[in-house]
Protein backbone atom coordinates (compact mmCIF):
# COMPACT_ATOMS: atom_id res chain seq x y z
CA UNK A 1 0.00 0.00 0.00
CA UNK A 2 2.81 2.53 0.54
CA UNK A 3 3.33 2.85 -3.22
CA UNK A 4 -0.30 2.50 -4.32
CA UNK A 5 -0.52 6.12 -5.53
CA UNK A 6 2.91 6.19 -7.23
CA UNK A 7 2.90 6.44 -11.02
CA UNK A 8 3.46 3.11 -12.74
CA UNK A 9 3.22 1.19 -9.45
CA UNK A 10 1.89 -2.35 -9.78
CA UNK A 11 1.64 -5.02 -7.14
CA UNK A 12 3.92 -7.97 -7.78
CA UNK A 13 0.94 -10.31 -8.15
CA UNK A 14 -0.65 -8.15 -10.86
CA UNK A 15 2.40 -7.50 -13.04
CA UNK A 16 1.14 -9.97 -15.65
CA UNK A 17 -2.28 -8.26 -15.85
CA UNK A 18 -2.96 -5.44 -18.28
CA UNK A 19 -2.66 -1.88 -17.03
CA UNK A 20 -0.03 0.80 -16.69
CA UNK A 21 -0.29 1.54 -12.98
CA UNK A 22 -1.53 5.09 -13.51
CA UNK A 23 -5.12 4.85 -12.23
CA UNK A 24 -4.57 5.65 -8.56
CA UNK A 25 -1.92 8.24 -9.42
CA UNK A 26 -4.62 10.08 -11.40
CA UNK A 27 -7.07 9.73 -8.50
CA UNK A 28 -4.54 11.25 -6.08
CA UNK A 29 -3.69 14.07 -8.49
CA UNK A 30 -7.34 15.03 -9.02
CA UNK A 31 -8.04 14.93 -5.29
CA UNK A 32 -4.97 17.08 -4.56
CA UNK A 33 -5.90 19.60 -7.27
CA UNK A 34 -9.19 20.15 -5.43
CA UNK A 35 -7.51 20.48 -2.02
CA UNK A 36 -8.37 16.94 -1.01
CA UNK A 37 -6.68 13.65 -0.31
CA UNK A 38 -6.86 10.06 -1.43
CA UNK A 39 -6.01 7.05 0.72
CA UNK A 40 -6.01 3.31 0.36
CA UNK A 41 -6.25 0.56 2.93
CA UNK A 42 -6.24 -3.21 2.91
CA UNK A 43 -9.62 -4.59 3.98
CA UNK A 44 -8.65 -8.26 4.00
CA UNK A 45 -10.87 -8.78 0.95
CA UNK A 46 -8.96 -6.35 -1.24
CA UNK A 47 -8.23 -2.66 -1.19
CA UNK A 48 -10.57 0.19 -0.30
CA UNK A 49 -9.80 3.61 -1.76
CA UNK A 50 -11.30 6.77 -0.26
CA UNK A 51 -11.22 10.28 -1.67
CA UNK A 52 -11.91 13.27 0.57
CA UNK A 53 -12.55 16.63 -1.10
CA UNK A 54 -13.52 19.64 1.01
CA UNK A 55 -16.82 21.39 0.26
C-alpha atoms as a PDB file:
ATOM      1  CA  UNK A   1       0.000   0.000   0.000  1.00  0.00           C
ATOM      2  CA  UNK A   2       2.812   2.534   0.541  1.00  0.00           C
ATOM      3  CA  UNK A   3       3.329   2.852  -3.224  1.00  0.00           C
ATOM      4  CA  UNK A   4      -0.303   2.502  -4.318  1.00  0.00           C
ATOM      5  CA  UNK A   5      -0.516   6.118  -5.532  1.00  0.00           C
ATOM      6  CA  UNK A   6       2.909   6.188  -7.226  1.00  0.00           C
ATOM      7  CA  UNK A   7       2.897   6.440 -11.023  1.00  0.00           C
ATOM      8  CA  UNK A   8       3.464   3.106 -12.741  1.00  0.00           C
ATOM      9  CA  UNK A   9       3.217   1.190  -9.447  1.00  0.00           C
ATOM     10  CA  UNK A  10       1.886  -2.349  -9.785  1.00  0.00           C
ATOM     11  CA  UNK A  11       1.637  -5.018  -7.141  1.00  0.00           C
ATOM     12  CA  UNK A  12       3.915  -7.971  -7.777  1.00  0.00           C
ATOM     13  CA  UNK A  13       0.939 -10.311  -8.147  1.00  0.00           C
ATOM     14  CA  UNK A  14      -0.646  -8.148 -10.858  1.00  0.00           C
ATOM     15  CA  UNK A  15       2.400  -7.504 -13.037  1.00  0.00           C
ATOM     16  CA  UNK A  16       1.137  -9.971 -15.651  1.00  0.00           C
ATOM     17  CA  UNK A  17      -2.281  -8.264 -15.848  1.00  0.00           C
ATOM     18  CA  UNK A  18      -2.964  -5.436 -18.283  1.00  0.00           C
ATOM     19  CA  UNK A  19      -2.663  -1.879 -17.029  1.00  0.00           C
ATOM     20  CA  UNK A  20      -0.034   0.800 -16.695  1.00  0.00           C
ATOM     21  CA  UNK A  21      -0.291   1.542 -12.980  1.00  0.00           C
ATOM     22  CA  UNK A  22      -1.528   5.091 -13.507  1.00  0.00           C
ATOM     23  CA  UNK A  23      -5.122   4.849 -12.234  1.00  0.00           C
ATOM     24  CA  UNK A  24      -4.570   5.647  -8.556  1.00  0.00           C
ATOM     25  CA  UNK A  25      -1.924   8.242  -9.420  1.00  0.00           C
ATOM     26  CA  UNK A  26      -4.624  10.080 -11.397  1.00  0.00           C
ATOM     27  CA  UNK A  27      -7.066   9.735  -8.500  1.00  0.00           C
ATOM     28  CA  UNK A  28      -4.542  11.246  -6.080  1.00  0.00           C
ATOM     29  CA  UNK A  29      -3.688  14.075  -8.488  1.00  0.00           C
ATOM     30  CA  UNK A  30      -7.338  15.030  -9.022  1.00  0.00           C
ATOM     31  CA  UNK A  31      -8.042  14.926  -5.289  1.00  0.00           C
ATOM     32  CA  UNK A  32      -4.971  17.085  -4.558  1.00  0.00           C
ATOM     33  CA  UNK A  33      -5.898  19.595  -7.271  1.00  0.00           C
ATOM     34  CA  UNK A  34      -9.185  20.150  -5.425  1.00  0.00           C
ATOM     35  CA  UNK A  35      -7.508  20.480  -2.020  1.00  0.00           C
ATOM     36  CA  UNK A  36      -8.366  16.940  -1.006  1.00  0.00           C
ATOM     37  CA  UNK A  37      -6.681  13.652  -0.313  1.00  0.00           C
ATOM     38  CA  UNK A  38      -6.860  10.055  -1.429  1.00  0.00           C
ATOM     39  CA  UNK A  39      -6.014   7.053   0.723  1.00  0.00           C
ATOM     40  CA  UNK A  40      -6.010   3.307   0.361  1.00  0.00           C
ATOM     41  CA  UNK A  41      -6.249   0.557   2.928  1.00  0.00           C
ATOM     42  CA  UNK A  42      -6.243  -3.211   2.909  1.00  0.00           C
ATOM     43  CA  UNK A  43      -9.620  -4.590   3.982  1.00  0.00           C
ATOM     44  CA  UNK A  44      -8.650  -8.257   4.004  1.00  0.00           C
ATOM     45  CA  UNK A  45     -10.867  -8.784   0.955  1.00  0.00           C
ATOM     46  CA  UNK A  46      -8.964  -6.354  -1.244  1.00  0.00           C
ATOM     47  CA  UNK A  47      -8.225  -2.665  -1.194  1.00  0.00           C
ATOM     48  CA  UNK A  48     -10.570   0.187  -0.304  1.00  0.00           C
ATOM     49  CA  UNK A  49      -9.799   3.609  -1.760  1.00  0.00           C
ATOM     50  CA  UNK A  50     -11.300   6.770  -0.264  1.00  0.00           C
ATOM     51  CA  UNK A  51     -11.224  10.277  -1.668  1.00  0.00           C
ATOM     52  CA  UNK A  52     -11.908  13.271   0.574  1.00  0.00           C
ATOM     53  CA  UNK A  53     -12.547  16.625  -1.102  1.00  0.00           C
ATOM     54  CA  UNK A  54     -13.519  19.645   1.006  1.00  0.00           C
ATOM     55  CA  UNK A  55     -16.820  21.388   0.258  1.00  0.00           C
END
